[in-house]
């Protein structure tokens, strides 16, 4: 959170920046169809709402504006998440409604003030708002920030965010803050011997070539005009499939193979596998 401007004309008018950490599905809910939901949130709250780019499992949502605009934006996000929970419950046997949960990203140097001496501040916030508040013990990877998780009813969350803002304004960050930046989703690479290593640049074609290299058994048995994967290889291919590797469609270049022609002539490959092998 950054403090950009303080004016004391009949009260405190502060422009703040608050960062939220969200999963892809939550971000999709905030953006809405063709960006309609986030557009409405921006217009009605008066806050600037930016969403980090990138194909990452986690995204950063940055909310900037005067305090009243920020609280309006928070309220809209909390109520939208509650709506999503209610909708998901209509298709499930669950009877008790789970709480709305938001994750703030806060400089570690301010977390001590949020917790308070002997946990007094965080206890006070829990008791006065009814929200659950948890400060992560560890810093987020490659940053000096921690996640602060708030859960409860939308009303409790809004009250809790207001109190957190007050604490953070009273105790600005100390020293330089290295902001948390979510990493792109990594693709597992399977080496011979079964070791798995995450490598963001590894493409599915590399996975397959590594998977089928250096094997004591032949990868394929040629029968007539068909190449039949060896049963041992089928097991490994099945393991690879179970890892839900996002395969790049034919005809698209991949990060691991720059320079490939992006539009090769269309071709069809057919594999026939015996029933007993399947």
Protein backbone atom coordinates (compact mmCIF):
# COMPACT_ATOMS: atom_id res chain seq x y z
CA UNK A 1 0.00 0.00 0.00
CA UNK A 2 1.36 3.43 -0.92
CA UNK A 3 0.39 6.78 0.52
CA UNK A 4 0.37 9.29 -2.34
CA UNK A 5 -1.31 12.38 -0.90
CA UNK A 6 -2.59 13.65 2.42
CA UNK A 7 -4.85 16.68 2.75
CA UNK A 8 -6.27 17.86 6.04
CA UNK A 9 -9.14 20.09 4.98
CA UNK A 10 -11.93 19.14 7.35
CA UNK A 11 -10.67 15.57 7.55
CA UNK A 12 -8.27 13.11 6.03
CA UNK A 13 -8.47 12.60 2.28
CA UNK A 14 -5.92 10.05 1.22
CA UNK A 15 -5.09 8.40 -2.08
CA UNK A 16 -4.07 4.80 -1.54
CA UNK A 17 -2.89 1.84 -3.56
CA UNK A 18 -3.94 -1.61 -2.36
CA UNK A 19 -2.83 -4.85 -4.01
CA UNK A 20 -4.88 -8.04 -3.99
CA UNK A 21 -3.71 -11.52 -4.94
CA UNK A 22 -6.30 -13.53 -6.87
CA UNK A 23 -6.58 -16.87 -8.63
CA UNK A 24 -7.42 -16.90 -12.33
CA UNK A 25 -11.04 -17.90 -11.73
CA UNK A 26 -11.54 -14.99 -9.30
CA UNK A 27 -10.00 -12.57 -11.80
CA UNK A 28 -12.35 -13.88 -14.50
CA UNK A 29 -15.29 -13.13 -12.21
CA UNK A 30 -14.05 -9.57 -11.59
CA UNK A 31 -13.47 -8.91 -15.30
CA UNK A 32 -16.83 -10.37 -16.39
CA UNK A 33 -18.05 -10.94 -19.94
CA UNK A 34 -16.20 -8.63 -22.34
CA UNK A 35 -14.88 -6.70 -19.32
CA UNK A 36 -18.35 -5.48 -18.33
CA UNK A 37 -18.02 -6.20 -14.58
CA UNK A 38 -14.68 -4.46 -14.04
CA UNK A 39 -15.85 -1.52 -16.17
CA UNK A 40 -18.93 -1.12 -13.93
CA UNK A 41 -16.76 -1.39 -10.79
CA UNK A 42 -14.41 1.33 -12.06
CA UNK A 43 -17.27 3.66 -12.99
CA UNK A 44 -19.33 3.18 -9.82
CA UNK A 45 -16.46 3.23 -7.30
CA UNK A 46 -14.31 5.92 -8.94
CA UNK A 47 -11.22 3.79 -8.17
CA UNK A 48 -8.62 2.72 -10.69
CA UNK A 49 -8.62 -1.08 -10.93
CA UNK A 50 -5.73 -2.68 -12.80
CA UNK A 51 -5.18 -6.41 -13.34
CA UNK A 52 -1.68 -7.79 -13.98
CA UNK A 53 -1.08 -9.36 -17.37
CA UNK A 54 0.24 -12.79 -18.01
CA UNK A 55 -0.71 -16.43 -18.17
CA UNK A 56 -0.23 -17.00 -14.43
CA UNK A 57 -2.25 -19.06 -11.97
CA UNK A 58 -2.23 -15.98 -9.73
CA UNK A 59 -2.76 -12.35 -10.73
CA UNK A 60 -2.35 -9.05 -8.90
CA UNK A 61 -5.34 -6.70 -8.82
CA UNK A 62 -4.30 -3.14 -7.96
CA UNK A 63 -6.91 -0.72 -6.62
CA UNK A 64 -5.95 2.98 -6.45
CA UNK A 65 -7.97 6.02 -5.43
CA UNK A 66 -9.26 8.07 -2.51
CA UNK A 67 -10.17 5.96 0.52
CA UNK A 68 -13.94 6.14 -0.08
CA UNK A 69 -13.48 4.96 -3.71
CA UNK A 70 -11.28 2.07 -2.53
CA UNK A 71 -13.85 0.93 0.01
CA UNK A 72 -16.60 1.05 -2.66
CA UNK A 73 -14.45 -1.06 -4.99
CA UNK A 74 -13.73 -3.53 -2.18
CA UNK A 75 -17.43 -3.77 -1.39
CA UNK A 76 -18.27 -4.51 -5.03
CA UNK A 77 -15.58 -7.21 -5.22
CA UNK A 78 -16.68 -8.81 -1.93
CA UNK A 79 -20.35 -8.88 -2.98
CA UNK A 80 -19.41 -10.29 -6.40
CA UNK A 81 -17.49 -13.11 -4.73
CA UNK A 82 -20.46 -13.79 -2.44
CA UNK A 83 -22.71 -13.98 -5.51
CA UNK A 84 -20.30 -16.51 -7.05
CA UNK A 85 -20.42 -18.61 -3.86
CA UNK A 86 -24.24 -18.57 -3.84
CA UNK A 87 -24.32 -19.57 -7.52
CA UNK A 88 -21.87 -22.42 -6.98
CA UNK A 89 -23.91 -23.67 -3.99
CA UNK A 90 -27.05 -24.04 -6.09
CA UNK A 91 -25.26 -26.89 -7.90
CA UNK A 92 -23.78 -28.55 -4.83
CA UNK A 93 -25.09 -30.44 -1.80
CA UNK A 94 -23.32 -28.04 0.63
CA UNK A 95 -25.72 -26.45 3.11
CA UNK A 96 -23.51 -23.97 5.00
CA UNK A 97 -22.30 -20.97 3.02
CA UNK A 98 -18.50 -20.63 2.96
CA UNK A 99 -17.10 -17.15 3.75
CA UNK A 100 -15.86 -14.69 1.14
CA UNK A 101 -12.04 -14.61 1.14
CA UNK A 102 -9.73 -11.85 -0.11
CA UNK A 103 -5.93 -11.83 -0.01
CA UNK A 104 -4.10 -8.53 0.37
CA UNK A 105 -0.42 -8.19 -0.49
CA UNK A 106 1.26 -6.08 2.18
CA UNK A 107 4.91 -5.00 2.66
CA UNK A 108 6.42 -7.22 5.38
CA UNK A 109 7.66 -4.09 7.22
CA UNK A 110 4.03 -3.14 7.94
CA UNK A 111 2.88 -6.58 9.10
CA UNK A 112 4.18 -6.08 12.64
CA UNK A 113 1.85 -3.08 13.07
CA UNK A 114 -1.06 -5.12 11.71
CA UNK A 115 -0.41 -7.92 14.19
CA UNK A 116 0.27 -5.57 17.12
CA UNK A 117 2.14 -6.28 20.33
CA UNK A 118 1.47 -9.89 21.30
CA UNK A 119 -1.16 -10.10 18.52
CA UNK A 120 -3.29 -7.40 20.17
CA UNK A 121 -4.12 -5.44 16.98
CA UNK A 122 -5.12 -8.42 14.84
CA UNK A 123 -7.24 -9.76 17.75
CA UNK A 124 -8.98 -6.38 18.06
CA UNK A 125 -9.71 -6.34 14.31
CA UNK A 126 -11.16 -9.86 14.43
CA UNK A 127 -13.38 -9.05 17.40
CA UNK A 128 -14.63 -5.65 16.18
CA UNK A 129 -15.37 -6.68 12.57
CA UNK A 130 -16.22 -10.38 12.83
CA UNK A 131 -13.81 -11.14 9.99
CA UNK A 132 -11.02 -13.68 10.21
CA UNK A 133 -7.61 -12.09 9.55
CA UNK A 134 -4.40 -14.05 9.02
CA UNK A 135 -0.93 -12.70 8.24
CA UNK A 136 1.31 -15.19 6.43
CA UNK A 137 4.47 -16.11 8.33
CA UNK A 138 6.62 -16.24 5.19
CA UNK A 139 7.21 -13.62 2.54
CA UNK A 140 5.87 -14.26 -0.94
CA UNK A 141 8.55 -15.63 -3.33
CA UNK A 142 11.22 -13.14 -4.52
CA UNK A 143 9.60 -10.24 -2.67
CA UNK A 144 9.45 -8.45 0.66
CA UNK A 145 5.66 -8.73 0.83
CA UNK A 146 3.35 -11.02 2.77
CA UNK A 147 -0.18 -12.20 2.09
CA UNK A 148 -2.87 -11.03 4.51
CA UNK A 149 -5.99 -13.19 4.19
CA UNK A 150 -9.36 -11.76 5.22
CA UNK A 151 -12.49 -13.91 5.25
CA UNK A 152 -16.04 -13.42 6.42
CA UNK A 153 -19.23 -11.76 5.20
CA UNK A 154 -18.81 -8.91 2.68
CA UNK A 155 -19.79 -6.42 5.43
CA UNK A 156 -17.17 -7.81 7.84
CA UNK A 157 -14.51 -7.73 5.11
CA UNK A 158 -15.24 -4.07 4.25
CA UNK A 159 -14.97 -3.04 7.94
CA UNK A 160 -11.75 -5.04 8.28
CA UNK A 161 -10.17 -3.45 5.18
CA UNK A 162 -10.99 0.01 6.59
CA UNK A 163 -9.18 -0.83 9.83
CA UNK A 164 -6.21 -2.31 7.96
CA UNK A 165 -5.94 0.89 5.89
CA UNK A 166 -5.87 3.02 9.04
CA UNK A 167 -3.09 0.90 10.58
CA UNK A 168 -1.05 0.99 7.37
CA UNK A 169 -1.41 4.75 7.04
CA UNK A 170 -0.21 5.19 10.61
CA UNK A 171 2.77 2.86 9.99
CA UNK A 172 4.17 3.45 6.48
CA UNK A 173 6.53 0.81 4.99
CA UNK A 174 10.15 0.98 6.14
CA UNK A 175 12.88 0.80 3.51
CA UNK A 176 12.41 -0.35 -0.07
CA UNK A 177 9.66 -2.85 -0.85
CA UNK A 178 10.26 -5.55 -3.46
CA UNK A 179 6.76 -6.20 -4.84
CA UNK A 180 5.53 -9.75 -5.39
CA UNK A 181 5.16 -10.70 -9.05
CA UNK A 182 3.37 -13.99 -9.77
CA UNK A 183 5.34 -16.41 -11.94
CA UNK A 184 3.90 -17.88 -15.16
CA UNK A 185 2.51 -21.40 -14.92
CA UNK A 186 5.41 -23.81 -15.23
CA UNK A 187 5.27 -26.89 -17.45
CA UNK A 188 6.63 -30.10 -15.93
CA UNK A 189 9.37 -31.83 -17.90
CA UNK A 190 9.79 -35.57 -17.39
CA UNK A 191 13.31 -36.87 -17.73
CA UNK A 192 14.30 -40.50 -18.15
CA UNK A 193 14.36 -42.07 -14.73
CA UNK A 194 11.10 -40.36 -13.81
CA UNK A 195 12.43 -37.11 -12.28
CA UNK A 196 10.10 -34.18 -12.80
CA UNK A 197 11.43 -30.64 -13.09
CA UNK A 198 9.34 -27.51 -13.55
CA UNK A 199 10.56 -25.38 -16.40
CA UNK A 200 8.45 -22.44 -17.63
CA UNK A 201 10.04 -22.51 -21.11
CA UNK A 202 9.68 -26.23 -21.71
CA UNK A 203 7.09 -26.90 -24.38
CA UNK A 204 5.00 -30.00 -24.75
CA UNK A 205 7.04 -31.15 -27.74
CA UNK A 206 10.15 -31.12 -25.55
CA UNK A 207 8.26 -33.14 -22.94
CA UNK A 208 7.41 -35.80 -25.47
CA UNK A 209 10.89 -35.98 -26.94
CA UNK A 210 12.44 -36.25 -23.47
CA UNK A 211 9.84 -38.78 -22.47
CA UNK A 212 10.55 -41.03 -25.41
CA UNK A 213 14.36 -40.64 -25.49
CA UNK A 214 16.94 -42.90 -23.87
CA UNK A 215 14.47 -45.68 -23.17
CA UNK A 216 15.71 -49.28 -22.89
CA UNK A 217 12.58 -50.38 -24.79
CA UNK A 218 11.53 -49.21 -28.27
CA UNK A 219 9.09 -46.33 -28.10
CA UNK A 220 7.03 -47.61 -30.99
CA UNK A 221 6.47 -50.97 -32.65
CA UNK A 222 5.83 -50.74 -36.35
CA UNK A 223 2.97 -52.97 -37.50
CA UNK A 224 2.14 -52.59 -41.14
CA UNK A 225 1.51 -48.92 -41.82
CA UNK A 226 0.75 -48.03 -38.17
CA UNK A 227 3.12 -47.10 -35.37
CA UNK A 228 1.90 -48.76 -32.18
CA UNK A 229 3.24 -47.25 -28.92
CA UNK A 230 4.94 -49.88 -26.80
CA UNK A 231 2.80 -50.71 -23.68
CA UNK A 232 5.54 -49.36 -21.37
CA UNK A 233 5.51 -46.11 -23.30
CA UNK A 234 1.72 -45.96 -23.05
CA UNK A 235 2.05 -46.00 -19.28
CA UNK A 236 4.47 -43.06 -19.44
CA UNK A 237 2.28 -41.21 -21.92
CA UNK A 238 -0.64 -41.74 -19.57
CA UNK A 239 1.43 -40.33 -16.68
CA UNK A 240 2.25 -37.31 -18.81
CA UNK A 241 -1.41 -36.81 -19.68
CA UNK A 242 -2.34 -37.02 -16.00
CA UNK A 243 -0.06 -34.04 -15.34
CA UNK A 244 -2.43 -31.98 -17.49
CA UNK A 245 0.36 -30.56 -19.59
CA UNK A 246 -1.07 -27.80 -21.79
CA UNK A 247 -0.15 -29.07 -25.25
CA UNK A 248 0.38 -26.42 -27.88
CA UNK A 249 -1.95 -26.93 -30.86
CA UNK A 250 -0.29 -27.98 -34.12
CA UNK A 251 0.69 -24.99 -36.16
CA UNK A 252 1.51 -22.69 -33.22
CA UNK A 253 5.05 -21.86 -32.23
CA UNK A 254 6.12 -22.54 -28.66
CA UNK A 255 8.58 -20.62 -26.46
CA UNK A 256 11.04 -23.52 -26.55
CA UNK A 257 11.17 -23.53 -30.35
CA UNK A 258 11.39 -19.94 -31.61
CA UNK A 259 11.64 -19.52 -35.34
CA UNK A 260 9.36 -22.39 -36.30
CA UNK A 261 7.01 -21.64 -39.16
CA UNK A 262 3.78 -20.56 -37.49
CA UNK A 263 1.59 -21.87 -40.33
CA UNK A 264 2.82 -25.23 -41.62
CA UNK A 265 0.66 -27.10 -44.14
CA UNK A 266 -2.16 -28.97 -42.41
CA UNK A 267 -1.50 -32.66 -41.93
CA UNK A 268 -3.27 -35.49 -40.13
CA UNK A 269 -1.57 -38.21 -38.10
CA UNK A 270 -3.40 -41.34 -37.07
CA UNK A 271 -2.31 -43.71 -34.34
CA UNK A 272 -4.03 -47.06 -33.87
CA UNK A 273 -3.57 -48.68 -30.48
CA UNK A 274 -4.56 -52.30 -29.75
CA UNK A 275 -7.46 -52.66 -27.28
CA UNK A 276 -5.43 -54.73 -24.82
CA UNK A 277 -2.70 -52.05 -24.74
CA UNK A 278 -5.29 -49.32 -24.04
